[in-house]
Amino acid sequence: MKKINMTDKYQTRDGLTARVLCVNLNRPLYPVVAAITNEDGIEVIWYFTDEGRFINTNVDRVEDLIPKPKRIKGWINVYPYCYIYGLYPTKKEADENADPQRIACIEIDVEEGEGL
């Protein structure tokens, strides 16, 4: 598992927003400090292992930190037989790169890992 750092964005496994405050607190088992925004919108401070575990075990828990999924935005060209090619930042760019067989141009805005 990758170590938690100050530059990446994180959330808990159950989707709560996490803001990493410190990654090298002088606590051997739980050196990572993060502010977690609970369901009521209140930030609470939790401590984690350097790999983002809430409890120092190999068992996944809903409280563990995981990387926040990245947003994928853009336009894709669709061709017959479900062939999709390219992710373009603008529709104009998608149009300019389209083959004559294109049957659709679709705008997408999804989190990484979501199905279309």
PDB file of N, CA and C in Angstrom:
ATOM      1  N   MET A   1       0.847  -1.185   0.000  1.00  0.00           N
ATOM      2  CA  MET A   1       0.000   0.000   0.000  1.00  0.00           C
ATOM      3  C   MET A   1       0.891   1.246   0.000  1.00  0.00           C
ATOM      4  N   LYS A   2       0.508   2.256  -0.763  1.00  0.00           N
ATOM      5  CA  LYS A   2       1.270   3.493  -0.875  1.00  0.00           C
ATOM      6  C   LYS A   2       1.125   4.331   0.391  1.00  0.00           C
ATOM      7  N   LYS A   3       2.209   4.999   0.774  1.00  0.00           N
ATOM      8  CA  LYS A   3       2.159   5.845   1.962  1.00  0.00           C
ATOM      9  C   LYS A   3       1.374   7.125   1.696  1.00  0.00           C
ATOM     10  N   ILE A   4       0.689   7.590   2.728  1.00  0.00           N
ATOM     11  CA  ILE A   4      -0.081   8.829   2.669  1.00  0.00           C
ATOM     12  C   ILE A   4       0.895   9.998   2.540  1.00  0.00           C
ATOM     13  N   ASN A   5       0.543  10.990   1.724  1.00  0.00           N
ATOM     14  CA  ASN A   5       1.395  12.170   1.578  1.00  0.00           C
ATOM     15  C   ASN A   5       0.535  13.431   1.660  1.00  0.00           C
ATOM     16  N   MET A   6       1.195  14.551   1.675  1.00  0.00           N
ATOM     17  CA  MET A   6       0.495  15.828   1.844  1.00  0.00           C
ATOM     18  C   MET A   6      -0.066  16.378   0.532  1.00  0.00           C
ATOM     19  N   THR A   7       0.341  15.851  -0.606  1.00  0.00           N
ATOM     20  CA  THR A   7      -0.073  16.440  -1.879  1.00  0.00           C
ATOM     21  C   THR A   7      -1.304  15.780  -2.490  1.00  0.00           C
ATOM     22  N   ASP A   8      -1.511  14.484  -2.272  1.00  0.00           N
ATOM     23  CA  ASP A   8      -2.671  13.795  -2.849  1.00  0.00           C
ATOM     24  C   ASP A   8      -3.937  14.113  -2.057  1.00  0.00           C
ATOM     25  N   LYS A   9      -5.076  13.868  -2.668  1.00  0.00           N
ATOM     26  CA  LYS A   9      -6.379  14.069  -2.016  1.00  0.00           C
ATOM     27  C   LYS A   9      -6.891  12.706  -1.547  1.00  0.00           C
ATOM     28  N   TYR A  10      -7.536  12.693  -0.364  1.00  0.00           N
ATOM     29  CA  TYR A  10      -7.994  11.447   0.239  1.00  0.00           C
ATOM     30  C   TYR A  10      -9.432  11.549   0.718  1.00  0.00           C
ATOM     31  N   GLN A  11     -10.006  10.378   0.932  1.00  0.00           N
ATOM     32  CA  GLN A  11     -11.311  10.243   1.564  1.00  0.00           C
ATOM     33  C   GLN A  11     -11.274   8.942   2.355  1.00  0.00           C
ATOM     34  N   THR A  12     -12.271   8.739   3.215  1.00  0.00           N
ATOM     35  CA  THR A  12     -12.365   7.457   3.893  1.00  0.00           C
ATOM     36  C   THR A  12     -13.017   6.451   2.938  1.00  0.00           C
ATOM     37  N   ARG A  13     -12.902   5.176   3.246  1.00  0.00           N
ATOM     38  CA  ARG A  13     -13.502   4.149   2.379  1.00  0.00           C
ATOM     39  C   ARG A  13     -15.003   4.360   2.201  1.00  0.00           C
ATOM     40  N   ASP A  14     -15.661   4.929   3.227  1.00  0.00           N
ATOM     41  CA  ASP A  14     -17.104   5.154   3.102  1.00  0.00           C
ATOM     42  C   ASP A  14     -17.433   6.533   2.541  1.00  0.00           C
ATOM     43  N   GLY A  15     -16.427   7.260   2.000  1.00  0.00           N
ATOM     44  CA  GLY A  15     -16.676   8.480   1.246  1.00  0.00           C
ATOM     45  C   GLY A  15     -16.603   9.797   1.994  1.00  0.00           C
ATOM     46  N   LEU A  16     -16.206   9.795   3.272  1.00  0.00           N
ATOM     47  CA  LEU A  16     -16.077  11.056   3.995  1.00  0.00           C
ATOM     48  C   LEU A  16     -14.825  11.795   3.513  1.00  0.00           C
ATOM     49  N   THR A  17     -14.913  13.115   3.419  1.00  0.00           N
ATOM     50  CA  THR A  17     -13.785  13.928   2.976  1.00  0.00           C
ATOM     51  C   THR A  17     -12.704  13.936   4.053  1.00  0.00           C
ATOM     52  N   ALA A  18     -11.452  13.780   3.608  1.00  0.00           N
ATOM     53  CA  ALA A  18     -10.311  13.804   4.528  1.00  0.00           C
ATOM     54  C   ALA A  18      -9.327  14.879   4.088  1.00  0.00           C
ATOM     55  N   ARG A  19      -8.850  15.641   5.055  1.00  0.00           N
ATOM     56  CA  ARG A  19      -7.829  16.671   4.794  1.00  0.00           C
ATOM     57  C   ARG A  19      -6.613  16.311   5.632  1.00  0.00           C
ATOM     58  N   VAL A  20      -5.539  15.851   4.969  1.00  0.00           N
ATOM     59  CA  VAL A  20      -4.336  15.418   5.676  1.00  0.00           C
ATOM     60  C   VAL A  20      -3.630  16.649   6.246  1.00  0.00           C
ATOM     61  N   LEU A  21      -3.387  16.611   7.548  1.00  0.00           N
ATOM     62  CA  LEU A  21      -2.756  17.734   8.232  1.00  0.00           C
ATOM     63  C   LEU A  21      -1.281  17.495   8.504  1.00  0.00           C
ATOM     64  N   CYS A  22      -0.904  16.238   8.708  1.00  0.00           N
ATOM     65  CA  CYS A  22       0.472  15.905   9.076  1.00  0.00           C
ATOM     66  C   CYS A  22       0.749  14.456   8.702  1.00  0.00           C
ATOM     67  N   VAL A  23       1.938  14.171   8.194  1.00  0.00           N
ATOM     68  CA  VAL A  23       2.281  12.790   7.847  1.00  0.00           C
ATOM     69  C   VAL A  23       3.450  12.247   8.668  1.00  0.00           C
ATOM     70  N   ASN A  24       4.007  13.051   9.527  1.00  0.00           N
ATOM     71  CA  ASN A  24       5.165  12.590  10.294  1.00  0.00           C
ATOM     72  C   ASN A  24       5.093  12.943  11.774  1.00  0.00           C
ATOM     73  N   LEU A  25       3.898  12.871  12.321  1.00  0.00           N
ATOM     74  CA  LEU A  25       3.737  13.109  13.748  1.00  0.00           C
ATOM     75  C   LEU A  25       4.592  12.100  14.503  1.00  0.00           C
ATOM     76  N   ASN A  26       5.177  12.501  15.592  1.00  0.00           N
ATOM     77  CA  ASN A  26       6.081  11.634  16.351  1.00  0.00           C
ATOM     78  C   ASN A  26       5.305  10.587  17.149  1.00  0.00           C
ATOM     79  N   ARG A  27       4.537   9.772  16.420  1.00  0.00           N
ATOM     80  CA  ARG A  27       3.797   8.648  16.996  1.00  0.00           C
ATOM     81  C   ARG A  27       4.086   7.457  16.097  1.00  0.00           C
ATOM     82  N   PRO A  28       4.858   6.490  16.539  1.00  0.00           N
ATOM     83  CA  PRO A  28       5.310   5.398  15.669  1.00  0.00           C
ATOM     84  C   PRO A  28       4.190   4.642  14.943  1.00  0.00           C
ATOM     85  N   LEU A  29       3.090   4.328  15.612  1.00  0.00           N
ATOM     86  CA  LEU A  29       2.040   3.546  14.962  1.00  0.00           C
ATOM     87  C   LEU A  29       1.063   4.393  14.156  1.00  0.00           C
ATOM     88  N   TYR A  30       0.838   5.632  14.565  1.00  0.00           N
ATOM     89  CA  TYR A  30      -0.156   6.480  13.905  1.00  0.00           C
ATOM     90  C   TYR A  30       0.415   7.875  13.614  1.00  0.00           C
ATOM     91  N   PRO A  31       1.331   7.978  12.648  1.00  0.00           N
ATOM     92  CA  PRO A  31       1.986   9.266  12.366  1.00  0.00           C
ATOM     93  C   PRO A  31       1.179  10.220  11.487  1.00  0.00           C
ATOM     94  N   VAL A  32       0.077   9.754  10.902  1.00  0.00           N
ATOM     95  CA  VAL A  32      -0.712  10.593   9.995  1.00  0.00           C
ATOM     96  C   VAL A  32      -1.902  11.180  10.749  1.00  0.00           C
ATOM     97  N   VAL A  33      -2.071  12.497  10.613  1.00  0.00           N
ATOM     98  CA  VAL A  33      -3.194  13.195  11.232  1.00  0.00           C
ATOM     99  C   VAL A  33      -4.046  13.766  10.102  1.00  0.00           C
ATOM    100  N   ALA A  34      -5.359  13.529  10.172  1.00  0.00           N
ATOM    101  CA  ALA A  34      -6.260  14.059   9.151  1.00  0.00           C
ATOM    102  C   ALA A  34      -7.522  14.596   9.799  1.00  0.00           C
ATOM    103  N   ALA A  35      -8.042  15.651   9.198  1.00  0.00           N
ATOM    104  CA  ALA A  35      -9.337  16.192   9.603  1.00  0.00           C
ATOM    105  C   ALA A  35     -10.382  15.526   8.714  1.00  0.00           C
ATOM    106  N   ILE A  36     -11.303  14.819   9.324  1.00  0.00           N
ATOM    107  CA  ILE A  36     -12.357  14.104   8.612  1.00  0.00           C
ATOM    108  C   ILE A  36     -13.657  14.880   8.784  1.00  0.00           C
ATOM    109  N   THR A  37     -14.326  15.169   7.672  1.00  0.00           N
ATOM    110  CA  THR A  37     -15.614  15.863   7.740  1.00  0.00           C
ATOM    111  C   THR A  37     -16.711  14.815   7.840  1.00  0.00           C
ATOM    112  N   ASN A  38     -17.395  14.787   9.001  1.00  0.00           N
ATOM    113  CA  ASN A  38     -18.423  13.765   9.220  1.00  0.00           C
ATOM    114  C   ASN A  38     -19.726  14.126   8.502  1.00  0.00           C
ATOM    115  N   GLU A  39     -20.729  13.291   8.667  1.00  0.00           N
ATOM    116  CA  GLU A  39     -22.012  13.460   7.970  1.00  0.00           C
ATOM    117  C   GLU A  39     -22.708  14.776   8.332  1.00  0.00           C
ATOM    118  N   ASP A  40     -22.390  15.326   9.504  1.00  0.00           N
ATOM    119  CA  ASP A  40     -22.990  16.587   9.948  1.00  0.00           C
ATOM    120  C   ASP A  40     -22.200  17.807   9.488  1.00  0.00           C
ATOM    121  N   GLY A  41     -21.120  17.586   8.714  1.00  0.00           N
ATOM    122  CA  GLY A  41     -20.301  18.689   8.232  1.00  0.00           C
ATOM    123  C   GLY A  41     -19.289  19.183   9.245  1.00  0.00           C
ATOM    124  N   ILE A  42     -19.097  18.436  10.321  1.00  0.00           N
ATOM    125  CA  ILE A  42     -18.160  18.829  11.374  1.00  0.00           C
ATOM    126  C   ILE A  42     -16.846  18.093  11.171  1.00  0.00           C
ATOM    127  N   GLU A  43     -15.736  18.832  11.243  1.00  0.00           N
ATOM    128  CA  GLU A  43     -14.414  18.199  11.109  1.00  0.00           C
ATOM    129  C   GLU A  43     -13.983  17.611  12.448  1.00  0.00           C
ATOM    130  N   VAL A  44     -13.552  16.368  12.390  1.00  0.00           N
ATOM    131  CA  VAL A  44     -12.996  15.701  13.568  1.00  0.00           C
ATOM    132  C   VAL A  44     -11.592  15.226  13.218  1.00  0.00           C
ATOM    133  N   ILE A  45     -10.728  15.150  14.194  1.00  0.00           N
ATOM    134  CA  ILE A  45      -9.338  14.750  13.980  1.00  0.00           C
ATOM    135  C   ILE A  45      -9.204  13.258  14.235  1.00  0.00           C
ATOM    136  N   TRP A  46      -8.647  12.557  13.258  1.00  0.00           N
ATOM    137  CA  TRP A  46      -8.366  11.132  13.385  1.00  0.00           C
ATOM    138  C   TRP A  46      -6.888  10.895  13.099  1.00  0.00           C
ATOM    139  N   TYR A  47      -6.372   9.805  13.657  1.00  0.00           N
ATOM    140  CA  TYR A  47      -4.976   9.409  13.457  1.00  0.00           C
ATOM    141  C   TYR A  47      -4.942   8.115  12.646  1.00  0.00           C
ATOM    142  N   PHE A  48      -3.900   7.986  11.793  1.00  0.00           N
ATOM    143  CA  PHE A  48      -3.782   6.842  10.895  1.00  0.00           C
ATOM    144  C   PHE A  48      -2.344   6.343  10.845  1.00  0.00           C
ATOM    145  N   THR A  49      -2.186   5.098  10.354  1.00  0.00           N
ATOM    146  CA  THR A  49      -0.852   4.589  10.064  1.00  0.00           C
ATOM    147  C   THR A  49      -0.328   5.344   8.843  1.00  0.00           C
ATOM    148  N   ASP A  50       0.955   5.179   8.525  1.00  0.00           N
ATOM    149  CA  ASP A  50       1.501   5.887   7.362  1.00  0.00           C
ATOM    150  C   ASP A  50       0.933   5.374   6.039  1.00  0.00           C
ATOM    151  N   GLU A  51       0.194   4.260   6.084  1.00  0.00           N
ATOM    152  CA  GLU A  51      -0.474   3.741   4.892  1.00  0.00           C
ATOM    153  C   GLU A  51      -1.976   4.057   4.884  1.00  0.00           C
ATOM    154  N   GLY A  52      -2.435   4.813   5.886  1.00  0.00           N
ATOM    155  CA  GLY A  52      -3.827   5.242   5.911  1.00  0.00           C
ATOM    156  C   GLY A  52      -4.777   4.329   6.663  1.00  0.00           C
ATOM    157  N   ARG A  53      -4.242   3.376   7.405  1.00  0.00           N
ATOM    158  CA  ARG A  53      -5.112   2.484   8.180  1.00  0.00           C
ATOM    159  C   ARG A  53      -5.544   3.175   9.471  1.00  0.00           C
ATOM    160  N   PHE A  54      -6.849   3.086   9.763  1.00  0.00           N
ATOM    161  CA  PHE A  54      -7.389   3.645  11.001  1.00  0.00           C
ATOM    162  C   PHE A  54      -6.978   2.784  12.190  1.00  0.00           C
ATOM    163  N   ILE A  55      -6.976   1.487  12.003  1.00  0.00           N
ATOM    164  CA  ILE A  55      -6.512   0.531  13.005  1.00  0.00           C
ATOM    165  C   ILE A  55      -5.340  -0.231  12.381  1.00  0.00           C
ATOM    166  N   ASN A  56      -4.270  -0.427  13.115  1.00  0.00           N
ATOM    167  CA  ASN A  56      -3.053  -1.024  12.582  1.00  0.00           C
ATOM    168  C   ASN A  56      -3.211  -2.537  12.386  1.00  0.00           C
ATOM    169  N   THR A  57      -4.042  -2.914  11.402  1.00  0.00           N
ATOM    170  CA  THR A  57      -4.220  -4.315  11.022  1.00  0.00           C
ATOM    171  C   THR A  57      -4.260  -4.374   9.499  1.00  0.00           C
ATOM    172  N   ASN A  58      -4.347  -5.564   8.959  1.00  0.00           N
ATOM    173  CA  ASN A  58      -4.468  -5.718   7.508  1.00  0.00           C
ATOM    174  C   ASN A  58      -5.920  -5.855   7.072  1.00  0.00           C
ATOM    175  N   VAL A  59      -6.839  -5.538   7.965  1.00  0.00           N
ATOM    176  CA  VAL A  59      -8.266  -5.635   7.661  1.00  0.00           C
ATOM    177  C   VAL A  59      -8.757  -4.263   7.186  1.00  0.00           C
ATOM    178  N   ASP A  60      -9.408  -4.232   6.018  1.00  0.00           N
ATOM    179  CA  ASP A  60      -9.964  -2.975   5.524  1.00  0.00           C
ATOM    180  C   ASP A  60     -11.125  -2.534   6.409  1.00  0.00           C
ATOM    181  N   ARG A  61     -11.128  -1.226   6.737  1.00  0.00           N
ATOM    182  CA  ARG A  61     -12.193  -0.643   7.546  1.00  0.00           C
ATOM    183  C   ARG A  61     -12.746   0.574   6.829  1.00  0.00           C
ATOM    184  N   VAL A  62     -13.999   0.922   7.087  1.00  0.00           N
ATOM    185  CA  VAL A  62     -14.614   2.078   6.430  1.00  0.00           C
ATOM    186  C   VAL A  62     -13.902   3.378   6.806  1.00  0.00           C
ATOM    187  N   GLU A  63     -13.205   3.399   7.922  1.00  0.00           N
ATOM    188  CA  GLU A  63     -12.515   4.605   8.375  1.00  0.00           C
ATOM    189  C   GLU A  63     -11.162   4.811   7.702  1.00  0.00           C
ATOM    190  N   ASP A  64     -10.615   3.809   7.017  1.00  0.00           N
ATOM    191  CA  ASP A  64      -9.300   3.917   6.376  1.00  0.00           C
ATOM    192  C   ASP A  64      -9.284   5.015   5.326  1.00  0.00           C
ATOM    193  N   LEU A  65      -8.105   5.623   5.134  1.00  0.00           N
ATOM    194  CA  LEU A  65      -7.933   6.616   4.075  1.00  0.00           C
ATOM    195  C   LEU A  65      -7.623   5.920   2.753  1.00  0.00           C
ATOM    196  N   ILE A  66      -8.259   6.387   1.691  1.00  0.00           N
ATOM    197  CA  ILE A  66      -7.976   5.903   0.345  1.00  0.00           C
ATOM    198  C   ILE A  66      -7.860   7.129  -0.569  1.00  0.00           C
ATOM    199  N   PRO A  67      -7.159   6.996  -1.696  1.00  0.00           N
ATOM    200  CA  PRO A  67      -7.067   8.136  -2.612  1.00  0.00           C
ATOM    201  C   PRO A  67      -8.456   8.538  -3.119  1.00  0.00           C
ATOM    202  N   LYS A  68      -8.682   9.825  -3.181  1.00  0.00           N
ATOM    203  CA  LYS A  68      -9.954  10.329  -3.711  1.00  0.00           C
ATOM    204  C   LYS A  68      -9.961  10.070  -5.219  1.00  0.00           C
ATOM    205  N   PRO A  69     -11.055   9.497  -5.739  1.00  0.00           N
ATOM    206  CA  PRO A  69     -11.104   9.236  -7.184  1.00  0.00           C
ATOM    207  C   PRO A  69     -10.966  10.536  -7.979  1.00  0.00           C
ATOM    208  N   LYS A  70     -10.260  10.446  -9.094  1.00  0.00           N
ATOM    209  CA  LYS A  70     -10.087  11.611  -9.956  1.00  0.00           C
ATOM    210  C   LYS A  70     -11.311  11.778 -10.845  1.00  0.00           C
ATOM    211  N   ARG A  71     -11.612  13.022 -11.206  1.00  0.00           N
ATOM    212  CA  ARG A  71     -12.707  13.301 -12.138  1.00  0.00           C
ATOM    213  C   ARG A  71     -12.180  13.164 -13.554  1.00  0.00           C
ATOM    214  N   ILE A  72     -12.971  12.544 -14.380  1.00  0.00           N
ATOM    215  CA  ILE A  72     -12.655  12.421 -15.790  1.00  0.00           C
ATOM    216  C   ILE A  72     -13.711  13.215 -16.540  1.00  0.00           C
ATOM    217  N   LYS A  73     -13.261  14.266 -17.215  1.00  0.00           N
ATOM    218  CA  LYS A  73     -14.175  15.133 -17.950  1.00  0.00           C
ATOM    219  C   LYS A  73     -13.680  15.244 -19.381  1.00  0.00           C
ATOM    220  N   GLY A  74     -14.604  15.309 -20.308  1.00  0.00           N
ATOM    221  CA  GLY A  74     -14.214  15.510 -21.690  1.00  0.00           C
ATOM    222  C   GLY A  74     -15.264  14.989 -22.648  1.00  0.00           C
ATOM    223  N   TRP A  75     -14.861  14.818 -23.884  1.00  0.00           N
ATOM    224  CA  TRP A  75     -15.740  14.371 -24.955  1.00  0.00           C
ATOM    225  C   TRP A  75     -15.141  13.127 -25.585  1.00  0.00           C
ATOM    226  N   ILE A  76     -15.986  12.141 -25.861  1.00  0.00           N
ATOM    227  CA  ILE A  76     -15.525  10.920 -26.517  1.00  0.00           C
ATOM    228  C   ILE A  76     -16.287  10.723 -27.826  1.00  0.00           C
ATOM    229  N   ASN A  77     -15.583  10.199 -28.800  1.00  0.00           N
ATOM    230  CA  ASN A  77     -16.198   9.860 -30.083  1.00  0.00           C
ATOM    231  C   ASN A  77     -16.609   8.404 -30.059  1.00  0.00           C
ATOM    232  N   VAL A  78     -17.817   8.124 -30.510  1.00  0.00           N
ATOM    233  CA  VAL A  78     -18.356   6.764 -30.510  1.00  0.00           C
ATOM    234  C   VAL A  78     -18.544   6.315 -31.962  1.00  0.00           C
ATOM    235  N   TYR A  79     -18.155   5.076 -32.207  1.00  0.00           N
ATOM    236  CA  TYR A  79     -18.230   4.510 -33.551  1.00  0.00           C
ATOM    237  C   TYR A  79     -19.072   3.242 -33.524  1.00  0.00           C
ATOM    238  N   PRO A  80     -19.494   2.745 -34.691  1.00  0.00           N
ATOM    239  CA  PRO A  80     -20.312   1.519 -34.728  1.00  0.00           C
ATOM    240  C   PRO A  80     -19.645   0.377 -33.957  1.00  0.00           C
ATOM    241  N   TYR A  81     -20.462  -0.519 -33.481  1.00  0.00           N
ATOM    242  CA  TYR A  81     -20.021  -1.697 -32.727  1.00  0.00           C
ATOM    243  C   TYR A  81     -19.366  -1.320 -31.401  1.00  0.00           C
ATOM    244  N   CYS A  82     -19.845  -0.223 -30.797  1.00  0.00           N
ATOM    245  CA  CYS A  82     -19.410   0.217 -29.459  1.00  0.00           C
ATOM    246  C   CYS A  82     -17.930   0.556 -29.386  1.00  0.00           C
ATOM    247  N   TYR A  83     -17.371   0.953 -30.473  1.00  0.00           N
ATOM    248  CA  TYR A  83     -15.965   1.356 -30.476  1.00  0.00           C
ATOM    249  C   TYR A  83     -15.878   2.815 -30.066  1.00  0.00           C
ATOM    250  N   ILE A  84     -15.143   3.094 -29.013  1.00  0.00           N
ATOM    251  CA  ILE A  84     -14.979   4.459 -28.508  1.00  0.00           C
ATOM    252  C   ILE A  84     -13.509   4.820 -28.639  1.00  0.00           C
ATOM    253  N   TYR A  85     -13.261   6.011 -29.142  1.00  0.00           N
ATOM    254  CA  TYR A  85     -11.873   6.406 -29.312  1.00  0.00           C
ATOM    255  C   TYR A  85     -11.667   7.833 -28.826  1.00  0.00           C
ATOM    256  N   GLY A  86     -10.685   8.009 -27.975  1.00  0.00           N
ATOM    257  CA  GLY A  86     -10.241   9.325 -27.564  1.00  0.00           C
ATOM    258  C   GLY A  86     -11.046   9.946 -26.445  1.00  0.00           C
ATOM    259  N   LEU A  87     -10.376  10.749 -25.667  1.00  0.00           N
ATOM    260  CA  LEU A  87     -10.999  11.613 -24.668  1.00  0.00           C
ATOM    261  C   LEU A  87     -10.440  12.998 -24.949  1.00  0.00           C
ATOM    262  N   TYR A  88     -11.304  13.888 -25.356  1.00  0.00           N
ATOM    263  CA  TYR A  88     -10.880  15.219 -25.768  1.00  0.00           C
ATOM    264  C   TYR A  88     -11.410  16.256 -24.789  1.00  0.00           C
ATOM    265  N   PRO A  89     -10.631  17.298 -24.505  1.00  0.00           N
ATOM    266  CA  PRO A  89     -11.077  18.302 -23.533  1.00  0.00           C
ATOM    267  C   PRO A  89     -12.251  19.148 -24.012  1.00  0.00           C
ATOM    268  N   THR A  90     -12.425  19.277 -25.325  1.00  0.00           N
ATOM    269  CA  THR A  90     -13.534  20.077 -25.848  1.00  0.00           C
ATOM    270  C   THR A  90     -14.244  19.309 -26.961  1.00  0.00           C
ATOM    271  N   LYS A  91     -15.497  19.671 -27.211  1.00  0.00           N
ATOM    272  CA  LYS A  91     -16.247  19.046 -28.299  1.00  0.00           C
ATOM    273  C   LYS A  91     -15.607  19.398 -29.636  1.00  0.00           C
ATOM    274  N   LYS A  92     -15.131  20.624 -29.752  1.00  0.00           N
ATOM    275  CA  LYS A  92     -14.482  21.058 -30.994  1.00  0.00           C
ATOM    276  C   LYS A  92     -13.303  20.147 -31.329  1.00  0.00           C
ATOM    277  N   GLU A  93     -12.489  19.840 -30.326  1.00  0.00           N
ATOM    278  CA  GLU A  93     -11.337  18.958 -30.540  1.00  0.00           C
ATOM    279  C   GLU A  93     -11.792  17.543 -30.915  1.00  0.00           C
ATOM    280  N   ALA A  94     -12.861  17.072 -30.269  1.00  0.00           N
ATOM    281  CA  ALA A  94     -13.408  15.751 -30.609  1.00  0.00           C
ATOM    282  C   ALA A  94     -13.903  15.746 -32.048  1.00  0.00           C
ATOM    283  N   ASP A  95     -14.596  16.808 -32.434  1.00  0.00           N
ATOM    284  CA  ASP A  95     -15.099  16.915 -33.815  1.00  0.00           C
ATOM    285  C   ASP A  95     -13.950  16.932 -34.822  1.00  0.00           C
ATOM    286  N   GLU A  96     -12.908  17.678 -34.504  1.00  0.00           N
ATOM    287  CA  GLU A  96     -11.768  17.789 -35.417  1.00  0.00           C
ATOM    288  C   GLU A  96     -11.033  16.462 -35.598  1.00  0.00           C
ATOM    289  N   ASN A  97     -11.106  15.590 -34.600  1.00  0.00           N
ATOM    290  CA  ASN A  97     -10.391  14.311 -34.654  1.00  0.00           C
ATOM    291  C   ASN A  97     -11.294  13.132 -34.987  1.00  0.00           C
ATOM    292  N   ALA A  98     -12.533  13.399 -35.340  1.00  0.00           N
ATOM    293  CA  ALA A  98     -13.491  12.326 -35.613  1.00  0.00           C
ATOM    294  C   ALA A  98     -13.296  11.747 -37.009  1.00  0.00           C
ATOM    295  N   ASP A  99     -13.494  10.433 -37.101  1.00  0.00           N
ATOM    296  CA  ASP A  99     -13.538   9.758 -38.398  1.00  0.00           C
ATOM    297  C   ASP A  99     -14.943   9.904 -38.965  1.00  0.00           C
ATOM    298  N   PRO A 100     -15.111   9.756 -40.288  1.00  0.00           N
ATOM    299  CA  PRO A 100     -16.443   9.876 -40.888  1.00  0.00           C
ATOM    300  C   PRO A 100     -17.461   8.858 -40.363  1.00  0.00           C
ATOM    301  N   GLN A 101     -16.993   7.747 -39.799  1.00  0.00           N
ATOM    302  CA  GLN A 101     -17.904   6.704 -39.305  1.00  0.00           C
ATOM    303  C   GLN A 101     -18.484   7.022 -37.921  1.00  0.00           C
ATOM    304  N   ARG A 102     -18.096   8.113 -37.321  1.00  0.00           N
ATOM    305  CA  ARG A 102     -18.577   8.440 -35.970  1.00  0.00           C
ATOM    306  C   ARG A 102     -20.096   8.509 -35.958  1.00  0.00           C
ATOM    307  N   ILE A 103     -20.687   7.893 -34.908  1.00  0.00           N
ATOM    308  CA  ILE A 103     -22.146   7.917 -34.780  1.00  0.00           C
ATOM    309  C   ILE A 103     -22.613   8.811 -33.631  1.00  0.00           C
ATOM    310  N   ALA A 104     -21.675   9.193 -32.744  1.00  0.00           N
ATOM    311  CA  ALA A 104     -22.050  10.069 -31.635  1.00  0.00           C
ATOM    312  C   ALA A 104     -20.801  10.704 -31.039  1.00  0.00           C
ATOM    313  N   CYS A 105     -21.023  11.813 -30.375  1.00  0.00           N
ATOM    314  CA  CYS A 105     -19.984  12.482 -29.602  1.00  0.00           C
ATOM    315  C   CYS A 105     -20.622  12.772 -28.245  1.00  0.00           C
ATOM    316  N   ILE A 106     -20.063  12.197 -27.192  1.00  0.00           N
ATOM    317  CA  ILE A 106     -20.704  12.238 -25.876  1.00  0.00           C
ATOM    318  C   ILE A 106     -19.815  12.971 -24.874  1.00  0.00           C
ATOM    319  N   GLU A 107     -20.433  13.873 -24.114  1.00  0.00           N
ATOM    320  CA  GLU A 107     -19.716  14.540 -23.027  1.00  0.00           C
ATOM    321  C   GLU A 107     -19.774  13.646 -21.792  1.00  0.00           C
ATOM    322  N   ILE A 108     -18.639  13.477 -21.119  1.00  0.00           N
ATOM    323  CA  ILE A 108     -18.619  12.686 -19.887  1.00  0.00           C
ATOM    324  C   ILE A 108     -18.053  13.524 -18.752  1.00  0.00           C
ATOM    325  N   ASP A 109     -18.531  13.248 -17.557  1.00  0.00           N
ATOM    326  CA  ASP A 109     -18.047  13.861 -16.327  1.00  0.00           C
ATOM    327  C   ASP A 109     -18.305  12.835 -15.232  1.00  0.00           C
ATOM    328  N   VAL A 110     -17.308  11.992 -14.984  1.00  0.00           N
ATOM    329  CA  VAL A 110     -17.460  10.888 -14.042  1.00  0.00           C
ATOM    330  C   VAL A 110     -16.245  10.817 -13.119  1.00  0.00           C
ATOM    331  N   GLU A 111     -16.415  10.110 -12.014  1.00  0.00           N
ATOM    332  CA  GLU A 111     -15.274   9.793 -11.175  1.00  0.00           C
ATOM    333  C   GLU A 111     -14.602   8.561 -11.710  1.00  0.00           C
ATOM    334  N   GLU A 112     -13.281   8.522 -11.620  1.00  0.00           N
ATOM    335  CA  GLU A 112     -12.526   7.362 -12.040  1.00  0.00           C
ATOM    336  C   GLU A 112     -13.105   6.107 -11.373  1.00  0.00           C
ATOM    337  N   GLY A 113     -13.322   5.083 -12.176  1.00  0.00           N
ATOM    338  CA  GLY A 113     -13.862   3.833 -11.650  1.00  0.00           C
ATOM    339  C   GLY A 113     -15.353   3.685 -11.850  1.00  0.00           C
ATOM    340  N   GLU A 114     -16.061   4.778 -12.168  1.00  0.00           N
ATOM    341  CA  GLU A 114     -17.503   4.689 -12.419  1.00  0.00           C
ATOM    342  C   GLU A 114     -17.748   4.128 -13.808  1.00  0.00           C
ATOM    343  N   GLY A 115     -18.808   3.374 -13.959  1.00  0.00           N
ATOM    344  CA  GLY A 115     -19.197   2.908 -15.280  1.00  0.00           C
ATOM    345  C   GLY A 115     -19.897   4.012 -16.039  1.00  0.00           C
ATOM    346  N   LEU A 116     -19.958   3.871 -17.333  1.00  0.00           N
ATOM    347  CA  LEU A 116     -20.660   4.863 -18.150  1.00  0.00           C
ATOM    348  C   LEU A 116     -22.070   4.403 -18.414  1.00  0.00           C
TER     349      LEU A 116
END
